[in-house]
C-alpha atoms as a PDB file:
ATOM      1  CA  MET A   1      72.739   4.537 -22.148  1.00  0.00           C
ATOM      2  CA  GLU A   2      74.415   2.547 -24.592  1.00  0.00           C
ATOM      3  CA  ALA A   3      73.058   0.957 -28.020  1.00  0.00           C
ATOM      4  CA  THR A   4      74.384  -2.436 -26.724  1.00  0.00           C
ATOM      5  CA  ASP A   5      72.856  -2.231 -23.541  1.00  0.00           C
ATOM      6  CA  LEU A   6      69.436  -2.200 -25.050  1.00  0.00           C
ATOM      7  CA  ARG A   7      68.287  -4.494 -27.946  1.00  0.00           C
ATOM      8  CA  VAL A   8      64.947  -4.186 -29.878  1.00  0.00           C
ATOM      9  CA  LEU A   9      63.094  -7.334 -29.985  1.00  0.00           C
ATOM     10  CA  LEU A  10      60.133  -6.190 -32.120  1.00  0.00           C
ATOM     11  CA  PHE A  11      59.691  -3.256 -34.287  1.00  0.00           C
ATOM     12  CA  GLU A  12      56.378  -3.377 -36.134  1.00  0.00           C
ATOM     13  CA  ALA A  13      54.517  -0.814 -38.043  1.00  0.00           C
ATOM     14  CA  VAL A  14      50.693  -0.960 -37.256  1.00  0.00           C
ATOM     15  CA  GLU A  15      48.235   1.354 -38.767  1.00  0.00           C
ATOM     16  CA  ASP A  16      48.469   4.057 -36.255  1.00  0.00           C
ATOM     17  CA  GLY A  17      52.050   3.749 -34.517  1.00  0.00           C
ATOM     18  CA  PHE A  18      54.250   0.990 -33.774  1.00  0.00           C
ATOM     19  CA  LEU A  19      54.928  -1.841 -31.761  1.00  0.00           C
ATOM     20  CA  ILE A  20      58.040  -2.083 -29.734  1.00  0.00           C
ATOM     21  CA  ALA A  21      59.541  -4.646 -27.403  1.00  0.00           C
ATOM     22  CA  PHE A  22      63.037  -4.761 -25.978  1.00  0.00           C
ATOM     23  CA  ALA A  23      65.359  -6.739 -24.160  1.00  0.00           C
ATOM     24  CA  GLY A  24      68.083  -5.728 -21.806  1.00  0.00           C
ATOM     25  CA  GLY A  25      69.194  -5.047 -18.207  1.00  0.00           C
ATOM     26  CA  ALA A  26      67.153  -3.758 -15.469  1.00  0.00           C
ATOM     27  CA  SER A  27      68.999  -0.443 -15.215  1.00  0.00           C
ATOM     28  CA  VAL A  28      68.354   0.093 -18.897  1.00  0.00           C
ATOM     29  CA  PHE A  29      64.696  -0.897 -19.007  1.00  0.00           C
ATOM     30  CA  SER A  30      64.175   1.572 -16.143  1.00  0.00           C
ATOM     31  CA  SER A  31      65.582   4.509 -18.266  1.00  0.00           C
ATOM     32  CA  ALA A  32      64.147   3.320 -21.328  1.00  0.00           C
ATOM     33  CA  VAL A  33      60.761   3.301 -19.521  1.00  0.00           C
ATOM     34  CA  ARG A  34      61.451   7.014 -18.317  1.00  0.00           C
ATOM     35  CA  PHE A  35      61.761   7.974 -21.978  1.00  0.00           C
ATOM     36  CA  PHE A  36      58.273   6.136 -22.696  1.00  0.00           C
ATOM     37  CA  VAL A  37      56.611   7.476 -19.638  1.00  0.00           C
ATOM     38  CA  GLY A  38      57.710  10.949 -20.685  1.00  0.00           C
ATOM     39  CA  LEU A  39      55.420  11.045 -23.576  1.00  0.00           C
ATOM     40  CA  ASP A  40      51.885  11.854 -23.503  1.00  0.00           C
ATOM     41  CA  PRO A  41      49.663   9.373 -22.556  1.00  0.00           C
ATOM     42  CA  TRP A  42      47.485   9.182 -26.036  1.00  0.00           C
ATOM     43  CA  GLN A  43      51.169   8.772 -27.523  1.00  0.00           C
ATOM     44  CA  ARG A  44      52.030   5.422 -25.623  1.00  0.00           C
ATOM     45  CA  ARG A  45      50.385   2.356 -24.337  1.00  0.00           C
ATOM     46  CA  TRP A  46      51.927  -0.470 -22.754  1.00  0.00           C
ATOM     47  CA  ILE A  47      50.308  -3.827 -23.565  1.00  0.00           C
ATOM     48  CA  ALA A  48      51.032  -5.976 -20.803  1.00  0.00           C
ATOM     49  CA  GLU A  49      49.915  -9.495 -22.145  1.00  0.00           C
ATOM     50  CA  GLU A  50      52.299  -9.157 -24.981  1.00  0.00           C
ATOM     51  CA  ARG A  51      55.085  -7.077 -23.234  1.00  0.00           C
ATOM     52  CA  ILE A  52      55.008  -4.672 -25.885  1.00  0.00           C
ATOM     53  CA  TRP A  53      54.891  -0.879 -26.081  1.00  0.00           C
ATOM     54  CA  TRP A  54      52.619   0.888 -28.724  1.00  0.00           C
ATOM     55  CA  ILE A  55      54.040   4.183 -29.501  1.00  0.00           C
ATOM     56  CA  SER A  56      52.212   6.819 -32.147  1.00  0.00           C
ATOM     57  CA  GLN A  57      53.446   7.783 -35.182  1.00  0.00           C
ATOM     58  CA  ASP A  58      54.005  11.305 -34.203  1.00  0.00           C
ATOM     59  CA  ALA A  59      56.133  10.433 -31.113  1.00  0.00           C
ATOM     60  CA  ILE A  60      58.366   7.672 -32.505  1.00  0.00           C
ATOM     61  CA  SER A  61      61.301   9.949 -33.703  1.00  0.00           C
ATOM     62  CA  ARG A  62      61.364  11.922 -30.757  1.00  0.00           C
ATOM     63  CA  LEU A  63      61.849   8.501 -28.891  1.00  0.00           C
ATOM     64  CA  ALA A  64      64.093   7.282 -31.299  1.00  0.00           C
ATOM     65  CA  ARG A  65      66.359  10.451 -30.814  1.00  0.00           C
ATOM     66  CA  ARG A  66      66.801   9.262 -27.077  1.00  0.00           C
ATOM     67  CA  ILE A  67      67.053   5.791 -27.389  1.00  0.00           C
ATOM     68  CA  PRO A  68      69.757   4.622 -29.898  1.00  0.00           C
ATOM     69  CA  ALA A  69      68.777   1.046 -30.240  1.00  0.00           C
ATOM     70  CA  LEU A  70      65.269   2.589 -31.265  1.00  0.00           C
ATOM     71  CA  GLY A  71      66.640   4.885 -33.586  1.00  0.00           C
ATOM     72  CA  GLU A  72      68.404   2.182 -35.441  1.00  0.00           C
ATOM     73  CA  ALA A  73      65.443   0.057 -35.604  1.00  0.00           C
ATOM     74  CA  LEU A  74      63.473   3.213 -37.078  1.00  0.00           C
ATOM     75  CA  GLU A  75      66.116   3.776 -39.823  1.00  0.00           C
ATOM     76  CA  GLN A  76      66.160   0.407 -40.942  1.00  0.00           C
ATOM     77  CA  TRP A  77      62.526   0.434 -41.122  1.00  0.00           C
ATOM     78  CA  HIS A  78      62.702   3.510 -43.320  1.00  0.00           C
ATOM     79  CA  GLN A  79      65.383   1.991 -45.491  1.00  0.00           C
ATOM     80  CA  ARG A  80      62.872  -1.096 -46.056  1.00  0.00           C
ATOM     81  CA  SER A  81      62.348  -2.300 -49.665  1.00  0.00           C
ATOM     82  CA  PRO A  82      59.804  -0.346 -51.225  1.00  0.00           C
ATOM     83  CA  SER A  83      58.796  -2.973 -53.536  1.00  0.00           C
ATOM     84  CA  ILE A  84      55.088  -3.896 -52.678  1.00  0.00           C
ATOM     85  CA  SER A  85      55.075  -7.467 -53.765  1.00  0.00           C
ATOM     86  CA  GLU A  86      58.091  -8.328 -51.627  1.00  0.00           C
ATOM     87  CA  ASP A  87      56.344  -6.728 -48.751  1.00  0.00           C
ATOM     88  CA  VAL A  88      53.255  -8.617 -49.395  1.00  0.00           C
ATOM     89  CA  SER A  89      55.047 -12.062 -49.438  1.00  0.00           C
ATOM     90  CA  SER A  90      57.516 -11.091 -46.601  1.00  0.00           C
ATOM     91  CA  PHE A  91      53.965  -9.939 -44.658  1.00  0.00           C
ATOM     92  CA  TYR A  92      52.208 -13.285 -45.397  1.00  0.00           C
ATOM     93  CA  ALA A  93      55.473 -15.280 -44.528  1.00  0.00           C
ATOM     94  CA  SER A  94      56.000 -13.544 -41.168  1.00  0.00           C
ATOM     95  CA  ILE A  95      52.480 -13.842 -39.728  1.00  0.00           C
ATOM     96  CA  ARG A  96      52.577 -14.917 -36.370  1.00  0.00           C
ATOM     97  CA  PRO A  97      49.191 -15.937 -34.531  1.00  0.00           C
ATOM     98  CA  ARG A  98      48.493 -12.871 -32.343  1.00  0.00           C
ATOM     99  CA  ALA A  99      47.652 -13.784 -28.714  1.00  0.00           C
ATOM    100  CA  GLN A 100      43.581 -13.668 -28.339  1.00  0.00           C
ATOM    101  CA  ARG A 101      42.065 -11.076 -26.380  1.00  0.00           C
ATOM    102  CA  ARG A 102      41.796 -12.215 -22.526  1.00  0.00           C
ATOM    103  CA  VAL A 103      38.355 -11.352 -21.094  1.00  0.00           C
ATOM    104  CA  TYR A 104      37.920 -11.263 -17.451  1.00  0.00           C
ATOM    105  CA  ILE A 105      34.762 -13.033 -16.677  1.00  0.00           C
ATOM    106  CA  PRO A 106      33.505 -12.474 -12.949  1.00  0.00           C
ATOM    107  CA  ARG A 107      32.757 -15.618 -10.938  1.00  0.00           C
ATOM    108  CA  ASP A 108      29.162 -15.146 -10.754  1.00  0.00           C
ATOM    109  CA  ILE A 109      28.953 -14.869 -14.537  1.00  0.00           C
ATOM    110  CA  GLU A 110      31.095 -17.934 -14.839  1.00  0.00           C
ATOM    111  CA  SER A 111      28.660 -19.707 -12.553  1.00  0.00           C
ATOM    112  CA  ALA A 112      25.509 -18.429 -14.728  1.00  0.00           C
ATOM    113  CA  TYR A 113      27.347 -20.126 -17.857  1.00  0.00           C
ATOM    114  CA  ARG A 114      27.538 -23.403 -15.921  1.00  0.00           C
ATOM    115  CA  VAL A 115      23.799 -23.167 -15.093  1.00  0.00           C
ATOM    116  CA  LEU A 116      22.892 -22.901 -18.808  1.00  0.00           C
ATOM    117  CA  HIS A 117      25.595 -25.477 -19.690  1.00  0.00           C
ATOM    118  CA  LEU A 118      27.555 -23.015 -21.700  1.00  0.00           C
ATOM    119  CA  PRO A 119      31.430 -22.333 -21.916  1.00  0.00           C
ATOM    120  CA  PRO A 120      32.376 -19.030 -20.341  1.00  0.00           C
ATOM    121  CA  GLY A 121      32.439 -16.335 -23.060  1.00  0.00           C
ATOM    122  CA  ALA A 122      29.765 -17.693 -25.188  1.00  0.00           C
ATOM    123  CA  SER A 123      27.967 -15.078 -27.141  1.00  0.00           C
ATOM    124  CA  ALA A 124      24.487 -13.600 -26.438  1.00  0.00           C
ATOM    125  CA  GLU A 125      22.951 -15.592 -29.335  1.00  0.00           C
ATOM    126  CA  ASP A 126      24.134 -19.121 -27.458  1.00  0.00           C
ATOM    127  CA  VAL A 127      22.671 -17.565 -24.147  1.00  0.00           C
ATOM    128  CA  THR A 128      19.132 -16.937 -25.398  1.00  0.00           C
ATOM    129  CA  GLN A 129      19.306 -20.451 -27.124  1.00  0.00           C
ATOM    130  CA  ALA A 130      20.419 -22.209 -24.232  1.00  0.00           C
ATOM    131  CA  ARG A 131      17.692 -20.336 -22.126  1.00  0.00           C
ATOM    132  CA  ARG A 132      14.981 -21.522 -24.574  1.00  0.00           C
ATOM    133  CA  ALA A 133      16.182 -25.094 -24.630  1.00  0.00           C
ATOM    134  CA  LEU A 134      16.276 -25.209 -20.835  1.00  0.00           C
ATOM    135  CA  ALA A 135      12.937 -23.535 -20.474  1.00  0.00           C
ATOM    136  CA  ARG A 136      11.392 -26.439 -22.649  1.00  0.00           C
ATOM    137  CA  GLN A 137      12.527 -28.639 -20.389  1.00  0.00           C
ATOM    138  CA  TYR A 138      12.412 -27.293 -16.803  1.00  0.00           C
ATOM    139  CA  HIS A 139       9.332 -25.040 -17.601  1.00  0.00           C
ATOM    140  CA  PRO A 140       6.693 -25.512 -14.733  1.00  0.00           C
ATOM    141  CA  ASP A 141       4.097 -25.946 -17.450  1.00  0.00           C
ATOM    142  CA  ALA A 142       6.298 -28.723 -18.945  1.00  0.00           C
ATOM    143  CA  GLY A 143       6.433 -30.801 -15.632  1.00  0.00           C
ATOM    144  CA  GLY A 144       9.783 -28.712 -14.342  1.00  0.00           C
ATOM    145  CA  GLY A 145      10.102 -26.807 -11.316  1.00  0.00           C
ATOM    146  CA  HIS A 146       9.857 -23.253 -10.331  1.00  0.00           C
ATOM    147  CA  THR A 147      13.052 -22.876  -8.586  1.00  0.00           C
ATOM    148  CA  MET A 148      15.013 -24.209 -11.485  1.00  0.00           C
ATOM    149  CA  MET A 149      13.357 -21.732 -14.262  1.00  0.00           C
ATOM    150  CA  VAL A 150      14.183 -18.781 -12.132  1.00  0.00           C
ATOM    151  CA  SER A 151      17.656 -19.895 -11.679  1.00  0.00           C
ATOM    152  CA  ILE A 152      17.697 -20.423 -15.601  1.00  0.00           C
ATOM    153  CA  ASN A 153      16.273 -16.815 -16.100  1.00  0.00           C
ATOM    154  CA  LEU A 154      18.502 -15.232 -13.509  1.00  0.00           C
ATOM    155  CA  ALA A 155      21.494 -16.794 -15.104  1.00  0.00           C
ATOM    156  CA  ALA A 156      20.563 -15.733 -18.694  1.00  0.00           C
ATOM    157  CA  ASP A 157      19.581 -12.137 -17.755  1.00  0.00           C
ATOM    158  CA  SER A 158      22.941 -11.902 -15.790  1.00  0.00           C
ATOM    159  CA  ILE A 159      25.056 -12.972 -18.659  1.00  0.00           C
ATOM    160  CA  LEU A 160      23.116 -10.757 -21.077  1.00  0.00           C
ATOM    161  CA  ARG A 161      23.538  -7.792 -18.868  1.00  0.00           C
ATOM    162  CA  TRP A 162      27.361  -8.350 -18.268  1.00  0.00           C
ATOM    163  CA  LEU A 163      27.835  -9.074 -22.285  1.00  0.00           C
ATOM    164  CA  SER A 164      25.942  -5.713 -22.990  1.00  0.00           C
ATOM    165  CA  GLN A 165      28.384  -3.804 -20.752  1.00  0.00           C
ATOM    166  CA  THR A 166      31.425  -5.402 -21.901  1.00  0.00           C
ATOM    167  CA  VAL A 167      31.136  -4.936 -25.727  1.00  0.00           C
END
C-alpha cells in the first residue's frame, strides 16, 4: 500500500484516542481495514453513522507504522503548535456540529407516543405530564371512557419502560 493511495480525511484527537476517516480505492480500504481489525476490540471502534474509526491512544502508533498516510497524520499532530491560545482559538474556529445520536424507536413505542400526542423521543417527564393532562380529559370520572384511559396508561407505561431500558 502506498501513501498516495490512501488519504487521511480526518485525524482528530479525542480524550481517550483518535478519530480517523480515510479516502481511497476499494483495494486500499480492504487492506487498511485488515490492519484496523487486527487491533484488539477495545482498541478500535467503527462508527458507521459518521464513517470514521476510533482508535485508542495505545494502538495508534502501531497502526501508524503499518499505514503510511496515518503515520504522516500522526507526525503532523505531534508537531502541532504547543501554544495553548492558538489551540483554543483554532479549536473554537473549527468546531463543526456533530451528528446527533440516532436512536432507534420501535414501531409500538412510536404509536404509543402518538397516543399521548408527543413527538417520538420525548423525555420521561414529558410522558408523565402528557399522561396527567390526558387523564384529566379522558378519565371515566371526568366523563371520558374506560377504553381511552386504558390506552393512555398502556402507552405511557410502555414508553416509560422503554426509556428506562435505553438510558
